N, C-alpha and C. Protein backbone atom coordinates (compact mmCIF):
# COMPACT_ATOMS: atom_id res chain seq x y z
N MET A 1 106.44 93.82 85.71
CA MET A 1 105.19 93.24 86.14
C MET A 1 104.19 94.34 86.52
N LEU A 2 104.70 95.40 87.09
CA LEU A 2 103.82 96.51 87.45
C LEU A 2 103.26 97.15 86.18
N ARG A 3 104.04 97.12 85.11
CA ARG A 3 103.57 97.66 83.84
C ARG A 3 102.38 96.86 83.31
N TYR A 4 102.42 95.52 83.48
CA TYR A 4 101.29 94.68 83.04
C TYR A 4 100.05 94.97 83.88
N ALA A 5 100.23 95.16 85.17
CA ALA A 5 99.09 95.48 86.02
C ALA A 5 98.46 96.79 85.61
N LEU A 6 99.29 97.77 85.29
CA LEU A 6 98.77 99.06 84.84
C LEU A 6 98.06 98.94 83.49
N ALA A 7 98.61 98.11 82.61
CA ALA A 7 97.99 97.91 81.29
C ALA A 7 96.61 97.25 81.43
N PHE A 8 96.50 96.24 82.29
CA PHE A 8 95.21 95.60 82.49
C PHE A 8 94.22 96.54 83.17
N PHE A 9 94.72 97.41 84.05
CA PHE A 9 93.84 98.37 84.70
C PHE A 9 93.28 99.36 83.68
N ILE A 10 94.13 99.84 82.78
CA ILE A 10 93.66 100.76 81.74
C ILE A 10 92.69 100.07 80.80
N LEU A 11 92.98 98.80 80.46
CA LEU A 11 92.07 98.03 79.63
C LEU A 11 90.71 97.87 80.32
N ALA A 12 90.72 97.66 81.62
CA ALA A 12 89.47 97.53 82.36
C ALA A 12 88.69 98.84 82.35
N LEU A 13 89.38 99.98 82.48
CA LEU A 13 88.69 101.27 82.44
C LEU A 13 88.07 101.54 81.08
N VAL A 14 88.81 101.23 80.01
CA VAL A 14 88.30 101.44 78.66
C VAL A 14 87.11 100.52 78.40
N ALA A 15 87.23 99.27 78.81
CA ALA A 15 86.12 98.33 78.60
C ALA A 15 84.89 98.74 79.41
N ALA A 16 85.10 99.23 80.61
CA ALA A 16 83.96 99.68 81.42
C ALA A 16 83.31 100.91 80.79
N PHE A 17 84.11 101.78 80.20
CA PHE A 17 83.58 102.98 79.56
C PHE A 17 82.67 102.62 78.38
N PHE A 18 83.05 101.59 77.63
CA PHE A 18 82.26 101.18 76.49
C PHE A 18 81.15 100.20 76.84
N GLY A 19 81.08 99.77 78.08
CA GLY A 19 79.97 98.93 78.53
C GLY A 19 80.21 97.44 78.45
N PHE A 20 81.44 97.01 78.29
CA PHE A 20 81.73 95.60 78.27
C PHE A 20 82.03 95.14 79.70
N GLY A 21 80.99 94.76 80.42
CA GLY A 21 81.13 94.44 81.84
C GLY A 21 81.99 93.23 82.11
N GLY A 22 81.86 92.18 81.34
CA GLY A 22 82.63 90.97 81.57
C GLY A 22 84.10 91.16 81.35
N ILE A 23 84.45 91.86 80.27
CA ILE A 23 85.85 92.13 79.97
C ILE A 23 86.45 93.07 81.01
N ALA A 24 85.68 94.04 81.43
CA ALA A 24 86.17 95.00 82.42
C ALA A 24 86.45 94.32 83.76
N SER A 25 85.57 93.46 84.20
CA SER A 25 85.78 92.80 85.49
C SER A 25 86.93 91.81 85.42
N ALA A 26 87.09 91.12 84.29
CA ALA A 26 88.20 90.19 84.13
C ALA A 26 89.52 90.93 84.11
N SER A 27 89.60 92.03 83.40
CA SER A 27 90.84 92.81 83.33
C SER A 27 91.17 93.42 84.69
N ALA A 28 90.18 93.89 85.40
CA ALA A 28 90.42 94.45 86.72
C ALA A 28 90.90 93.37 87.68
N GLY A 29 90.37 92.18 87.58
CA GLY A 29 90.83 91.08 88.43
C GLY A 29 92.27 90.70 88.15
N ILE A 30 92.63 90.64 86.87
CA ILE A 30 94.01 90.32 86.50
C ILE A 30 94.95 91.42 86.98
N ALA A 31 94.56 92.67 86.83
CA ALA A 31 95.40 93.79 87.30
C ALA A 31 95.59 93.73 88.80
N LYS A 32 94.55 93.39 89.53
CA LYS A 32 94.66 93.31 90.98
C LYS A 32 95.61 92.18 91.39
N ILE A 33 95.51 91.03 90.75
CA ILE A 33 96.39 89.91 91.07
C ILE A 33 97.83 90.25 90.76
N LEU A 34 98.08 90.83 89.59
CA LEU A 34 99.45 91.18 89.22
C LEU A 34 100.04 92.24 90.15
N PHE A 35 99.21 93.16 90.61
CA PHE A 35 99.69 94.18 91.53
C PHE A 35 100.12 93.57 92.85
N PHE A 36 99.35 92.64 93.39
CA PHE A 36 99.70 92.02 94.65
C PHE A 36 100.91 91.11 94.49
N VAL A 37 101.05 90.44 93.37
CA VAL A 37 102.25 89.65 93.10
C VAL A 37 103.47 90.56 93.06
N PHE A 38 103.34 91.72 92.44
CA PHE A 38 104.43 92.68 92.39
C PHE A 38 104.82 93.13 93.79
N LEU A 39 103.83 93.41 94.64
CA LEU A 39 104.13 93.83 96.01
C LEU A 39 104.86 92.75 96.78
N ILE A 40 104.47 91.50 96.61
CA ILE A 40 105.12 90.40 97.32
C ILE A 40 106.57 90.25 96.85
N VAL A 41 106.78 90.29 95.53
CA VAL A 41 108.14 90.16 94.99
C VAL A 41 109.00 91.33 95.46
N PHE A 42 108.44 92.53 95.49
CA PHE A 42 109.18 93.70 95.96
C PHE A 42 109.57 93.54 97.43
N ALA A 43 108.64 93.09 98.27
CA ALA A 43 108.94 92.92 99.69
C ALA A 43 110.02 91.87 99.91
N VAL A 44 109.95 90.75 99.17
CA VAL A 44 110.95 89.70 99.32
C VAL A 44 112.33 90.20 98.91
N THR A 45 112.42 90.89 97.79
CA THR A 45 113.72 91.38 97.34
C THR A 45 114.26 92.48 98.25
N ALA A 46 113.38 93.29 98.82
CA ALA A 46 113.83 94.32 99.76
C ALA A 46 114.40 93.69 101.02
N VAL A 47 113.74 92.67 101.55
CA VAL A 47 114.23 91.99 102.74
C VAL A 47 115.55 91.28 102.44
N MET A 48 115.65 90.65 101.27
CA MET A 48 116.90 89.98 100.89
C MET A 48 118.03 90.98 100.74
N GLY A 49 117.75 92.16 100.21
CA GLY A 49 118.76 93.19 100.07
C GLY A 49 119.24 93.71 101.40
N VAL A 50 118.34 93.86 102.34
CA VAL A 50 118.72 94.36 103.67
C VAL A 50 119.53 93.32 104.42
N THR A 51 119.13 92.05 104.33
CA THR A 51 119.85 91.00 105.06
C THR A 51 121.18 90.67 104.40
N ALA A 52 121.32 90.88 103.10
CA ALA A 52 122.59 90.59 102.44
C ALA A 52 123.66 91.60 102.86
N GLY A 53 123.27 92.78 103.19
CA GLY A 53 124.22 93.79 103.61
C GLY A 53 124.73 93.60 105.04
N ARG A 54 124.09 92.75 105.81
CA ARG A 54 124.44 92.56 107.23
C ARG A 54 125.31 91.34 107.48
N ARG A 55 125.80 90.69 106.45
CA ARG A 55 126.63 89.51 106.64
C ARG A 55 127.99 89.91 107.21
N VAL A 56 128.42 89.20 108.23
CA VAL A 56 129.70 89.47 108.86
C VAL A 56 130.63 88.30 108.53
N PRO A 57 131.80 88.58 107.91
CA PRO A 57 132.70 87.46 107.56
C PRO A 57 133.37 86.82 108.75
């Protein structure tokens, strides 16, 4: 998922360089959303990993 965010970010930079404002802003918005989704998924899995190691039989 982080790879998709990076791809949309690069697409936004290229589109901004060539002057396509609408495409650049849309790609940047998608990259930002995917990045935050990645951070949330990472935080959830990190917390689950830490709590799974603390189980006492």
